[in-house]
Amino acid sequence: MFGSQDLILIGIIVVVLFGATKLPQLGSGIGQAIRNFKKGISESEEIEAPKKSSKKEETQKKESD
């Protein structure tokens, strides 16, 4: 798909646009965003909606108290 010359050219363009000093910050920012995204997905799967108790269950609880 991409040849080695294409990848080198893209790398040079990225360095020119962002500067060599900003690349580590850009990389860590992207990595942190990916980690937060994965964490958010895994947490949303763990969260369950609370069960709604029926009126029958509520009256039984009140009677037992």
N, C-alpha and C. Protein backbone atom coordinates (compact mmCIF):
# COMPACT_ATOMS: atom_id res chain seq x y z
N MET A 1 0.83 -1.18 0.00
CA MET A 1 0.00 0.00 0.00
C MET A 1 0.88 1.25 0.00
N PHE A 2 1.64 1.45 1.08
CA PHE A 2 2.58 2.55 1.11
C PHE A 2 3.99 2.00 0.97
N GLY A 3 4.78 2.65 0.15
CA GLY A 3 6.17 2.26 0.02
C GLY A 3 7.01 2.97 1.08
N SER A 4 8.27 2.57 1.15
CA SER A 4 9.14 3.18 2.15
C SER A 4 9.37 4.66 1.86
N GLN A 5 9.43 5.03 0.59
CA GLN A 5 9.60 6.45 0.25
C GLN A 5 8.39 7.27 0.68
N ASP A 6 7.19 6.70 0.54
CA ASP A 6 5.98 7.40 0.95
C ASP A 6 5.97 7.63 2.45
N LEU A 7 6.33 6.60 3.21
CA LEU A 7 6.34 6.73 4.67
C LEU A 7 7.38 7.74 5.14
N ILE A 8 8.52 7.77 4.50
CA ILE A 8 9.56 8.75 4.85
C ILE A 8 9.06 10.16 4.56
N LEU A 9 8.41 10.34 3.42
CA LEU A 9 7.87 11.65 3.06
C LEU A 9 6.80 12.09 4.05
N ILE A 10 5.93 11.18 4.45
CA ILE A 10 4.90 11.51 5.45
C ILE A 10 5.56 11.88 6.77
N GLY A 11 6.60 11.15 7.17
CA GLY A 11 7.33 11.46 8.40
C GLY A 11 7.95 12.84 8.37
N ILE A 12 8.53 13.20 7.26
CA ILE A 12 9.14 14.52 7.12
C ILE A 12 8.08 15.62 7.21
N ILE A 13 6.94 15.39 6.58
CA ILE A 13 5.86 16.38 6.63
C ILE A 13 5.36 16.55 8.06
N VAL A 14 5.22 15.45 8.80
CA VAL A 14 4.76 15.52 10.19
C VAL A 14 5.76 16.30 11.04
N VAL A 15 7.04 16.05 10.85
CA VAL A 15 8.07 16.77 11.62
C VAL A 15 8.03 18.26 11.30
N VAL A 16 7.86 18.60 10.03
CA VAL A 16 7.81 20.01 9.65
C VAL A 16 6.57 20.69 10.23
N LEU A 17 5.42 20.00 10.19
CA LEU A 17 4.19 20.61 10.68
C LEU A 17 4.19 20.80 12.20
N PHE A 18 4.59 19.78 12.93
CA PHE A 18 4.49 19.82 14.38
C PHE A 18 5.79 20.20 15.07
N GLY A 19 6.89 20.04 14.43
CA GLY A 19 8.17 20.33 15.04
C GLY A 19 8.67 19.14 15.84
N ALA A 20 9.96 18.98 15.91
CA ALA A 20 10.56 17.82 16.57
C ALA A 20 10.30 17.82 18.08
N THR A 21 10.17 18.98 18.67
CA THR A 21 9.96 19.05 20.13
C THR A 21 8.52 18.71 20.52
N LYS A 22 7.57 18.89 19.63
CA LYS A 22 6.16 18.63 19.94
C LYS A 22 5.77 17.18 19.69
N LEU A 23 6.56 16.43 18.95
CA LEU A 23 6.19 15.04 18.61
C LEU A 23 6.04 14.14 19.83
N PRO A 24 6.94 14.18 20.82
CA PRO A 24 6.73 13.34 22.01
C PRO A 24 5.44 13.69 22.76
N GLN A 25 5.14 14.97 22.85
CA GLN A 25 3.90 15.39 23.52
C GLN A 25 2.68 14.92 22.73
N LEU A 26 2.76 15.00 21.43
CA LEU A 26 1.67 14.55 20.58
C LEU A 26 1.45 13.05 20.72
N GLY A 27 2.53 12.29 20.73
CA GLY A 27 2.44 10.85 20.89
C GLY A 27 1.87 10.43 22.24
N SER A 28 2.31 11.09 23.30
CA SER A 28 1.79 10.74 24.62
C SER A 28 0.33 11.15 24.76
N GLY A 29 -0.04 12.24 24.15
CA GLY A 29 -1.45 12.67 24.18
C GLY A 29 -2.36 11.68 23.47
N ILE A 30 -1.91 11.18 22.32
CA ILE A 30 -2.69 10.18 21.59
C ILE A 30 -2.77 8.88 22.38
N GLY A 31 -1.66 8.47 22.97
CA GLY A 31 -1.66 7.25 23.78
C GLY A 31 -2.58 7.35 24.98
N GLN A 32 -2.58 8.49 25.64
CA GLN A 32 -3.45 8.69 26.80
C GLN A 32 -4.92 8.70 26.37
N ALA A 33 -5.21 9.28 25.23
CA ALA A 33 -6.59 9.31 24.73
C ALA A 33 -7.08 7.89 24.43
N ILE A 34 -6.22 7.07 23.85
CA ILE A 34 -6.60 5.69 23.54
C ILE A 34 -6.83 4.91 24.83
N ARG A 35 -5.94 5.09 25.82
CA ARG A 35 -6.12 4.41 27.11
C ARG A 35 -7.43 4.80 27.79
N ASN A 36 -7.73 6.10 27.79
CA ASN A 36 -8.98 6.56 28.40
C ASN A 36 -10.19 6.01 27.66
N PHE A 37 -10.10 5.93 26.35
CA PHE A 37 -11.20 5.38 25.56
C PHE A 37 -11.43 3.92 25.90
N LYS A 38 -10.37 3.13 25.97
CA LYS A 38 -10.50 1.71 26.31
C LYS A 38 -11.03 1.55 27.73
N LYS A 39 -10.56 2.38 28.65
CA LYS A 39 -11.03 2.32 30.03
C LYS A 39 -12.51 2.66 30.11
N GLY A 40 -12.94 3.66 29.37
CA GLY A 40 -14.35 4.04 29.35
C GLY A 40 -15.23 2.95 28.80
N ILE A 41 -14.75 2.25 27.78
CA ILE A 41 -15.53 1.15 27.21
C ILE A 41 -15.65 0.01 28.21
N SER A 42 -14.55 -0.35 28.86
CA SER A 42 -14.60 -1.47 29.80
C SER A 42 -15.44 -1.13 31.03
N GLU A 43 -15.42 0.12 31.48
CA GLU A 43 -16.23 0.52 32.63
C GLU A 43 -17.71 0.54 32.29
N SER A 44 -18.05 0.92 31.07
CA SER A 44 -19.46 0.98 30.71
C SER A 44 -20.06 -0.41 30.63
N GLU A 45 -19.25 -1.42 30.32
CA GLU A 45 -19.74 -2.79 30.28
C GLU A 45 -19.96 -3.32 31.70
N GLU A 46 -19.19 -2.83 32.67
CA GLU A 46 -19.30 -3.30 34.04
C GLU A 46 -20.50 -2.69 34.76
N ILE A 47 -20.91 -1.52 34.35
CA ILE A 47 -22.00 -0.83 35.02
C ILE A 47 -23.33 -1.46 34.59
N GLU A 48 -24.13 -1.82 35.57
CA GLU A 48 -25.43 -2.39 35.29
C GLU A 48 -26.50 -1.46 35.84
N ALA A 49 -27.63 -1.44 35.19
CA ALA A 49 -28.74 -0.63 35.66
C ALA A 49 -29.31 -1.25 36.92
N PRO A 50 -29.65 -0.44 37.92
CA PRO A 50 -30.23 -1.00 39.15
C PRO A 50 -31.59 -1.61 38.85
N LYS A 51 -31.88 -2.68 39.56
CA LYS A 51 -33.15 -3.36 39.37
C LYS A 51 -34.25 -2.55 40.04
N LYS A 52 -35.36 -2.46 39.36
CA LYS A 52 -36.51 -1.78 39.94
C LYS A 52 -37.31 -2.81 40.73
N SER A 53 -37.60 -2.49 41.96
CA SER A 53 -38.38 -3.41 42.76
C SER A 53 -39.86 -3.17 42.50
N SER A 54 -40.60 -4.22 42.48
CA SER A 54 -42.03 -4.09 42.24
C SER A 54 -42.72 -3.61 43.51
N LYS A 55 -43.93 -3.17 43.39
CA LYS A 55 -44.69 -2.70 44.55
C LYS A 55 -44.94 -3.84 45.52
N LYS A 56 -45.09 -5.04 44.99
CA LYS A 56 -45.31 -6.21 45.84
C LYS A 56 -44.11 -6.43 46.75
N GLU A 57 -42.90 -6.33 46.19
CA GLU A 57 -41.68 -6.51 46.97
C GLU A 57 -41.54 -5.41 48.02
N GLU A 58 -41.92 -4.17 47.66
CA GLU A 58 -41.81 -3.07 48.60
C GLU A 58 -42.76 -3.25 49.78
N THR A 59 -43.97 -3.70 49.50
CA THR A 59 -44.91 -3.92 50.60
C THR A 59 -44.47 -5.07 51.50
N GLN A 60 -43.86 -6.08 50.91
CA GLN A 60 -43.35 -7.20 51.70
C GLN A 60 -42.22 -6.73 52.61
N LYS A 61 -41.37 -5.86 52.11
CA LYS A 61 -40.27 -5.33 52.92
C LYS A 61 -40.80 -4.49 54.08
N LYS A 62 -41.82 -3.68 53.80
CA LYS A 62 -42.39 -2.85 54.85
C LYS A 62 -43.07 -3.67 55.92
N GLU A 63 -43.75 -4.73 55.50
CA GLU A 63 -44.42 -5.60 56.46
C GLU A 63 -43.46 -6.36 57.34
N SER A 64 -42.30 -6.73 56.78
CA SER A 64 -41.32 -7.48 57.55
C SER A 64 -40.58 -6.60 58.56
N ASP A 65 -40.55 -5.29 58.30
CA ASP A 65 -39.86 -4.36 59.22
C ASP A 65 -40.70 -4.08 60.37
